[in-house]
């Protein structure tokens, strides 16, 4: 997956990135795609049926952290990587997305960055002028 709507932020102990979009759905989707591009290089995408994930949070910041943490869990616990994503809905406390998952293939896929956690350090998501943006730092 590629995305031109993000940039890497250099930080002493972490790696961060910023994403932009016209809607908060686009920002969440861009954040996920940037996260995937930073973590993995997938050799070949399979044509799998999509799964649905749902995460909750008390506000948009917690929702964003929990959303990205879900992909860390899927990778660490089940060896699954996401190759495509479509945000279905975001409310004040719930996000629902359609995701296309496949097994990480040790023979062809590559882990680019070992991420331990998504942090709240300098976390931001909100409107700036006429668009949405988010800043996320990862503990590596």
N, C-alpha and C. Protein backbone atom coordinates (compact mmCIF):
# COMPACT_ATOMS: atom_id res chain seq x y z
N UNK A 1 0.84 -1.18 0.00
CA UNK A 1 0.00 0.00 0.00
C UNK A 1 0.88 1.23 0.00
N UNK A 2 0.53 2.21 -0.77
CA UNK A 2 1.28 3.45 -0.75
C UNK A 2 0.35 4.58 -0.40
N UNK A 3 0.94 5.60 0.18
CA UNK A 3 0.17 6.77 0.55
C UNK A 3 1.07 7.98 0.48
N UNK A 4 0.64 9.03 -0.20
CA UNK A 4 1.42 10.24 -0.25
C UNK A 4 0.97 11.22 0.82
N UNK A 5 0.00 10.86 1.61
CA UNK A 5 -0.53 11.79 2.59
C UNK A 5 0.07 11.57 3.98
N UNK A 6 1.38 11.31 4.04
CA UNK A 6 2.03 11.25 5.34
C UNK A 6 3.49 11.64 5.20
N UNK A 7 4.08 12.05 6.34
CA UNK A 7 5.51 12.30 6.38
C UNK A 7 6.05 11.77 7.69
N UNK A 8 7.29 11.29 7.65
CA UNK A 8 7.96 10.74 8.83
C UNK A 8 8.48 11.90 9.67
N UNK A 9 8.39 11.76 11.00
CA UNK A 9 8.92 12.75 11.94
C UNK A 9 10.05 12.08 12.71
N UNK A 10 11.23 12.68 12.67
CA UNK A 10 12.37 12.14 13.42
C UNK A 10 12.23 12.52 14.89
N UNK A 11 12.53 11.57 15.77
CA UNK A 11 12.47 11.81 17.20
C UNK A 11 13.54 10.94 17.86
N UNK A 12 14.02 11.34 19.02
CA UNK A 12 15.14 10.66 19.67
C UNK A 12 14.92 9.17 19.86
N UNK A 13 13.84 8.78 20.53
CA UNK A 13 13.65 7.37 20.88
C UNK A 13 12.52 6.70 20.11
N UNK A 14 11.78 7.46 19.35
CA UNK A 14 10.60 6.95 18.67
C UNK A 14 10.63 7.33 17.19
N UNK A 15 9.69 6.79 16.46
CA UNK A 15 9.43 7.23 15.10
C UNK A 15 8.01 7.75 15.07
N UNK A 16 7.81 8.84 14.37
CA UNK A 16 6.47 9.40 14.27
C UNK A 16 6.12 9.71 12.84
N UNK A 17 4.85 10.03 12.64
CA UNK A 17 4.42 10.45 11.31
C UNK A 17 3.19 11.34 11.43
N UNK A 18 2.97 12.14 10.40
CA UNK A 18 1.79 12.98 10.30
C UNK A 18 1.02 12.57 9.06
N UNK A 19 -0.29 12.65 9.15
CA UNK A 19 -1.15 12.33 8.00
C UNK A 19 -2.21 13.42 7.85
N UNK A 20 -2.75 13.51 6.65
CA UNK A 20 -3.76 14.52 6.34
C UNK A 20 -4.91 13.88 5.56
N UNK A 21 -6.05 14.54 5.59
CA UNK A 21 -7.21 14.09 4.81
C UNK A 21 -8.30 15.13 4.85
N UNK A 22 -9.26 15.00 3.97
CA UNK A 22 -10.40 15.92 3.93
C UNK A 22 -11.43 15.60 5.00
N UNK A 23 -11.43 14.34 5.47
CA UNK A 23 -12.38 13.91 6.49
C UNK A 23 -11.63 13.14 7.57
N UNK A 24 -12.26 12.95 8.72
CA UNK A 24 -11.58 12.15 9.75
C UNK A 24 -11.44 10.70 9.30
N UNK A 25 -12.38 10.20 8.49
CA UNK A 25 -12.25 8.84 7.96
C UNK A 25 -10.97 8.72 7.13
N UNK A 26 -10.71 9.73 6.27
CA UNK A 26 -9.50 9.70 5.46
C UNK A 26 -8.24 9.75 6.32
N UNK A 27 -8.28 10.52 7.41
CA UNK A 27 -7.12 10.61 8.31
C UNK A 27 -6.86 9.27 8.97
N UNK A 28 -7.90 8.60 9.45
CA UNK A 28 -7.71 7.28 10.07
C UNK A 28 -7.18 6.29 9.04
N UNK A 29 -7.73 6.31 7.84
CA UNK A 29 -7.27 5.41 6.78
C UNK A 29 -5.82 5.71 6.41
N UNK A 30 -5.48 6.99 6.27
CA UNK A 30 -4.11 7.37 5.94
C UNK A 30 -3.15 6.98 7.07
N UNK A 31 -3.59 7.12 8.32
CA UNK A 31 -2.75 6.73 9.45
C UNK A 31 -2.46 5.24 9.41
N UNK A 32 -3.47 4.44 9.12
CA UNK A 32 -3.27 2.99 9.02
C UNK A 32 -2.31 2.65 7.88
N UNK A 33 -2.51 3.26 6.72
CA UNK A 33 -1.64 2.97 5.57
C UNK A 33 -0.21 3.40 5.84
N UNK A 34 -0.02 4.57 6.46
CA UNK A 34 1.34 5.01 6.80
C UNK A 34 1.98 4.04 7.78
N UNK A 35 1.20 3.62 8.79
CA UNK A 35 1.65 2.66 9.79
C UNK A 35 2.12 1.37 9.11
N UNK A 36 1.32 0.86 8.17
CA UNK A 36 1.68 -0.38 7.46
C UNK A 36 2.96 -0.18 6.64
N UNK A 37 3.07 0.96 5.94
CA UNK A 37 4.25 1.22 5.11
C UNK A 37 5.51 1.34 5.94
N UNK A 38 5.39 1.88 7.14
CA UNK A 38 6.54 2.01 8.03
C UNK A 38 6.95 0.65 8.59
N UNK A 39 5.98 -0.21 8.87
CA UNK A 39 6.27 -1.50 9.52
C UNK A 39 6.67 -2.62 8.57
N UNK A 40 6.03 -2.71 7.42
CA UNK A 40 6.20 -3.91 6.59
C UNK A 40 6.39 -3.58 5.12
N UNK A 41 7.09 -4.48 4.45
CA UNK A 41 7.11 -4.51 3.00
C UNK A 41 6.56 -5.88 2.62
N UNK A 42 5.38 -5.88 2.01
CA UNK A 42 4.69 -7.13 1.66
C UNK A 42 5.01 -7.48 0.21
N UNK A 43 5.53 -8.69 0.00
CA UNK A 43 5.97 -9.12 -1.32
C UNK A 43 4.80 -9.28 -2.29
N UNK A 44 3.78 -10.01 -1.90
CA UNK A 44 2.64 -10.27 -2.80
C UNK A 44 1.36 -10.21 -1.99
N UNK A 45 0.39 -9.45 -2.49
CA UNK A 45 -0.90 -9.38 -1.81
C UNK A 45 -1.82 -10.48 -2.30
N UNK A 46 -2.49 -11.12 -1.35
CA UNK A 46 -3.43 -12.18 -1.68
C UNK A 46 -4.82 -11.57 -1.83
N UNK A 47 -5.67 -12.24 -2.55
CA UNK A 47 -7.05 -11.81 -2.72
C UNK A 47 -7.92 -12.52 -1.69
N UNK A 48 -7.95 -11.98 -0.49
CA UNK A 48 -8.72 -12.57 0.60
C UNK A 48 -10.05 -11.84 0.77
N UNK A 49 -10.98 -12.50 1.42
CA UNK A 49 -12.24 -11.85 1.79
C UNK A 49 -11.94 -10.87 2.93
N UNK A 50 -12.59 -9.72 2.94
CA UNK A 50 -12.34 -8.77 4.01
C UNK A 50 -12.93 -9.22 5.34
N UNK A 51 -12.28 -8.80 6.40
CA UNK A 51 -12.79 -9.00 7.76
C UNK A 51 -13.22 -7.63 8.28
N UNK A 52 -13.98 -7.62 9.35
CA UNK A 52 -14.39 -6.36 9.97
C UNK A 52 -13.74 -6.25 11.33
N UNK A 53 -13.16 -5.08 11.60
CA UNK A 53 -12.65 -4.83 12.94
C UNK A 53 -13.42 -3.65 13.53
N UNK A 54 -13.56 -3.67 14.83
CA UNK A 54 -14.23 -2.58 15.53
C UNK A 54 -13.43 -2.28 16.78
N UNK A 55 -13.12 -1.01 16.99
CA UNK A 55 -12.41 -0.60 18.20
C UNK A 55 -13.18 0.53 18.85
N UNK A 56 -12.95 0.69 20.15
CA UNK A 56 -13.62 1.74 20.90
C UNK A 56 -12.58 2.61 21.60
N UNK A 57 -13.01 3.80 21.98
CA UNK A 57 -12.16 4.72 22.71
C UNK A 57 -13.01 5.84 23.29
N UNK A 58 -12.47 6.54 24.26
CA UNK A 58 -13.21 7.62 24.91
C UNK A 58 -13.22 8.92 24.12
N UNK A 59 -12.27 9.07 23.19
CA UNK A 59 -12.19 10.25 22.34
C UNK A 59 -11.44 9.87 21.06
N UNK A 60 -11.27 10.81 20.15
CA UNK A 60 -10.62 10.50 18.87
C UNK A 60 -9.17 10.05 19.06
N UNK A 61 -8.46 10.65 20.02
CA UNK A 61 -7.07 10.26 20.25
C UNK A 61 -6.98 8.80 20.69
N UNK A 62 -7.79 8.44 21.68
CA UNK A 62 -7.77 7.05 22.16
C UNK A 62 -8.26 6.10 21.07
N UNK A 63 -9.22 6.52 20.28
CA UNK A 63 -9.72 5.71 19.17
C UNK A 63 -8.61 5.45 18.16
N UNK A 64 -7.81 6.48 17.85
CA UNK A 64 -6.71 6.33 16.90
C UNK A 64 -5.64 5.38 17.44
N UNK A 65 -5.26 5.55 18.69
CA UNK A 65 -4.26 4.66 19.29
C UNK A 65 -4.77 3.22 19.31
N UNK A 66 -5.99 3.00 19.76
CA UNK A 66 -6.56 1.65 19.82
C UNK A 66 -6.68 1.03 18.44
N UNK A 67 -7.02 1.84 17.45
CA UNK A 67 -7.14 1.38 16.07
C UNK A 67 -5.79 0.85 15.57
N UNK A 68 -4.73 1.63 15.72
CA UNK A 68 -3.42 1.19 15.25
C UNK A 68 -2.88 0.04 16.09
N UNK A 69 -3.16 0.07 17.39
CA UNK A 69 -2.74 -1.03 18.27
C UNK A 69 -3.37 -2.36 17.85
N UNK A 70 -4.57 -2.31 17.29
CA UNK A 70 -5.24 -3.53 16.82
C UNK A 70 -4.40 -4.23 15.76
N UNK A 71 -3.75 -3.46 14.89
CA UNK A 71 -2.91 -4.06 13.85
C UNK A 71 -1.63 -4.63 14.43
N UNK A 72 -1.10 -4.01 15.49
CA UNK A 72 0.05 -4.59 16.20
C UNK A 72 -0.34 -5.93 16.81
N UNK A 73 -1.51 -5.98 17.44
CA UNK A 73 -2.00 -7.22 18.04
C UNK A 73 -2.15 -8.31 16.97
N UNK A 74 -2.78 -7.98 15.85
CA UNK A 74 -3.00 -8.97 14.79
C UNK A 74 -1.67 -9.53 14.28
N UNK A 75 -0.67 -8.65 14.19
CA UNK A 75 0.64 -9.08 13.72
C UNK A 75 1.38 -9.90 14.78
N UNK A 76 1.45 -9.37 15.99
CA UNK A 76 2.20 -10.04 17.06
C UNK A 76 1.56 -11.35 17.50
N UNK A 77 0.25 -11.38 17.63
CA UNK A 77 -0.44 -12.56 18.16
C UNK A 77 -0.80 -13.59 17.09
N UNK A 78 -1.10 -13.11 15.88
CA UNK A 78 -1.61 -14.03 14.87
C UNK A 78 -0.79 -14.08 13.59
N UNK A 79 0.24 -13.24 13.48
CA UNK A 79 1.08 -13.22 12.28
C UNK A 79 0.37 -12.66 11.07
N UNK A 80 -0.63 -11.81 11.29
CA UNK A 80 -1.41 -11.25 10.18
C UNK A 80 -1.01 -9.81 9.90
N UNK A 81 -0.95 -9.47 8.63
CA UNK A 81 -0.71 -8.09 8.21
C UNK A 81 -1.90 -7.63 7.38
N UNK A 82 -2.12 -6.34 7.41
CA UNK A 82 -3.23 -5.75 6.65
C UNK A 82 -2.68 -5.21 5.33
N UNK A 83 -3.33 -5.57 4.23
CA UNK A 83 -2.88 -5.12 2.92
C UNK A 83 -3.82 -4.09 2.30
N UNK A 84 -5.01 -3.94 2.85
CA UNK A 84 -5.95 -2.92 2.37
C UNK A 84 -6.94 -2.64 3.49
N UNK A 85 -7.48 -1.42 3.47
CA UNK A 85 -8.39 -1.01 4.53
C UNK A 85 -9.41 -0.04 3.98
N UNK A 86 -10.61 -0.11 4.54
CA UNK A 86 -11.68 0.81 4.19
C UNK A 86 -12.44 1.14 5.47
N UNK A 87 -12.40 2.40 5.87
CA UNK A 87 -13.12 2.84 7.07
C UNK A 87 -14.61 2.84 6.74
N UNK A 88 -15.39 2.14 7.54
CA UNK A 88 -16.84 2.11 7.32
C UNK A 88 -17.55 3.20 8.09
N UNK A 89 -17.15 3.40 9.36
CA UNK A 89 -17.81 4.43 10.17
C UNK A 89 -16.94 4.81 11.36
N UNK A 90 -17.07 6.07 11.76
CA UNK A 90 -16.43 6.56 12.98
C UNK A 90 -17.46 7.38 13.73
N UNK A 91 -17.68 7.02 14.99
CA UNK A 91 -18.54 7.83 15.85
C UNK A 91 -17.64 8.42 16.94
N UNK A 92 -18.22 9.02 17.94
CA UNK A 92 -17.44 9.63 19.02
C UNK A 92 -16.60 8.61 19.77
N UNK A 93 -17.06 7.34 19.82
CA UNK A 93 -16.33 6.35 20.61
C UNK A 93 -16.11 5.00 19.93
N UNK A 94 -16.47 4.86 18.65
CA UNK A 94 -16.34 3.57 17.97
C UNK A 94 -15.89 3.77 16.53
N UNK A 95 -14.98 2.91 16.10
CA UNK A 95 -14.54 2.89 14.70
C UNK A 95 -14.77 1.49 14.17
N UNK A 96 -15.29 1.43 12.97
CA UNK A 96 -15.54 0.16 12.29
C UNK A 96 -14.88 0.23 10.92
N UNK A 97 -14.09 -0.81 10.60
CA UNK A 97 -13.37 -0.82 9.33
C UNK A 97 -13.39 -2.21 8.71
N UNK A 98 -13.37 -2.21 7.39
CA UNK A 98 -13.21 -3.43 6.62
C UNK A 98 -11.72 -3.56 6.33
N UNK A 99 -11.12 -4.71 6.64
CA UNK A 99 -9.69 -4.91 6.45
C UNK A 99 -9.43 -6.20 5.68
N UNK A 100 -8.39 -6.17 4.89
CA UNK A 100 -7.96 -7.34 4.15
C UNK A 100 -6.65 -7.80 4.79
N UNK A 101 -6.70 -8.99 5.40
CA UNK A 101 -5.57 -9.52 6.16
C UNK A 101 -4.98 -10.74 5.46
N UNK A 102 -3.68 -10.92 5.66
CA UNK A 102 -3.04 -12.14 5.18
C UNK A 102 -1.89 -12.47 6.11
N UNK A 103 -1.48 -13.74 6.08
CA UNK A 103 -0.36 -14.20 6.90
C UNK A 103 0.93 -13.54 6.42
N UNK A 104 1.74 -13.10 7.39
CA UNK A 104 3.07 -12.58 7.07
C UNK A 104 3.90 -13.74 6.54
N UNK A 105 4.50 -13.57 5.36
CA UNK A 105 5.26 -14.62 4.72
C UNK A 105 6.75 -14.36 4.95
N UNK A 106 7.38 -15.17 5.81
CA UNK A 106 8.79 -14.97 6.14
C UNK A 106 9.70 -15.06 4.92
N UNK A 107 9.26 -15.80 3.91
CA UNK A 107 10.10 -16.00 2.72
C UNK A 107 10.18 -14.73 1.86
N UNK A 108 9.06 -13.99 1.76
CA UNK A 108 9.07 -12.85 0.85
C UNK A 108 8.80 -11.51 1.49
N UNK A 109 8.08 -11.52 2.61
CA UNK A 109 7.74 -10.26 3.28
C UNK A 109 8.88 -9.82 4.18
N UNK A 110 8.91 -8.53 4.50
CA UNK A 110 9.98 -8.00 5.33
C UNK A 110 9.41 -7.08 6.40
N UNK A 111 9.85 -7.29 7.63
CA UNK A 111 9.50 -6.34 8.69
C UNK A 111 10.52 -5.22 8.63
N UNK A 112 10.05 -4.01 8.38
CA UNK A 112 10.94 -2.86 8.23
C UNK A 112 11.27 -2.20 9.56
N UNK A 113 10.33 -2.21 10.48
CA UNK A 113 10.51 -1.55 11.76
C UNK A 113 9.77 -2.31 12.84
N UNK A 114 10.47 -2.68 13.89
CA UNK A 114 9.84 -3.37 15.01
C UNK A 114 9.16 -2.36 15.93
N UNK A 115 7.85 -2.29 15.87
CA UNK A 115 7.10 -1.34 16.68
C UNK A 115 6.61 -2.05 17.94
N UNK A 116 6.89 -1.45 19.11
CA UNK A 116 6.43 -2.02 20.38
C UNK A 116 5.04 -1.52 20.74
N UNK A 117 4.79 -0.23 20.46
CA UNK A 117 3.50 0.34 20.86
C UNK A 117 3.25 1.64 20.11
N UNK A 118 1.98 2.00 20.06
CA UNK A 118 1.55 3.32 19.59
C UNK A 118 1.44 4.16 20.86
N UNK A 119 2.05 5.35 20.85
CA UNK A 119 2.12 6.14 22.08
C UNK A 119 1.16 7.33 22.05
N UNK A 120 0.99 7.91 23.23
CA UNK A 120 0.21 9.15 23.36
C UNK A 120 1.13 10.37 23.33
N UNK A 121 2.44 10.16 23.19
CA UNK A 121 3.42 11.24 23.17
C UNK A 121 3.14 12.17 21.99
N UNK A 122 2.85 13.43 22.26
CA UNK A 122 2.55 14.46 21.26
C UNK A 122 1.45 14.03 20.27
N UNK A 123 0.59 13.13 20.70
CA UNK A 123 -0.50 12.66 19.84
C UNK A 123 -1.46 13.80 19.54
N UNK A 124 -1.88 13.89 18.30
CA UNK A 124 -2.86 14.90 17.91
C UNK A 124 -3.71 14.35 16.79
N UNK A 125 -5.01 14.61 16.86
CA UNK A 125 -5.90 14.40 15.72
C UNK A 125 -6.97 15.48 15.81
N UNK A 126 -7.19 16.14 14.68
CA UNK A 126 -8.20 17.19 14.67
C UNK A 126 -8.19 17.96 13.38
N UNK A 127 -8.99 19.00 13.36
CA UNK A 127 -9.11 19.84 12.17
C UNK A 127 -8.06 20.95 12.19
N UNK A 128 -7.48 21.20 11.06
CA UNK A 128 -6.59 22.34 10.85
C UNK A 128 -7.06 23.00 9.55
N UNK A 129 -7.54 24.22 9.68
CA UNK A 129 -8.11 24.93 8.54
C UNK A 129 -9.27 24.13 7.96
N UNK A 130 -9.18 23.75 6.69
CA UNK A 130 -10.30 23.05 6.05
C UNK A 130 -10.09 21.54 5.96
N UNK A 131 -9.08 21.01 6.63
CA UNK A 131 -8.84 19.57 6.52
C UNK A 131 -8.56 18.98 7.90
N UNK A 132 -8.39 17.68 7.91
CA UNK A 132 -8.08 16.94 9.14
C UNK A 132 -6.61 16.53 9.09
N UNK A 133 -6.01 16.40 10.27
CA UNK A 133 -4.65 15.89 10.33
C UNK A 133 -4.44 15.13 11.64
N UNK A 134 -3.40 14.32 11.65
CA UNK A 134 -3.05 13.57 12.87
C UNK A 134 -1.55 13.44 12.94
N UNK A 135 -1.03 13.38 14.17
CA UNK A 135 0.38 13.15 14.44
C UNK A 135 0.46 11.99 15.42
N UNK A 136 1.26 11.00 15.07
CA UNK A 136 1.35 9.78 15.87
C UNK A 136 2.82 9.43 16.05
N UNK A 137 3.20 9.02 17.28
CA UNK A 137 4.54 8.53 17.54
C UNK A 137 4.46 7.06 17.94
N UNK A 138 5.45 6.29 17.48
CA UNK A 138 5.53 4.85 17.74
C UNK A 138 6.74 4.56 18.60
N UNK A 139 6.57 3.72 19.60
CA UNK A 139 7.66 3.24 20.43
C UNK A 139 8.32 2.08 19.69
N UNK A 140 9.62 2.24 19.38
CA UNK A 140 10.31 1.21 18.60
C UNK A 140 11.41 0.55 19.42
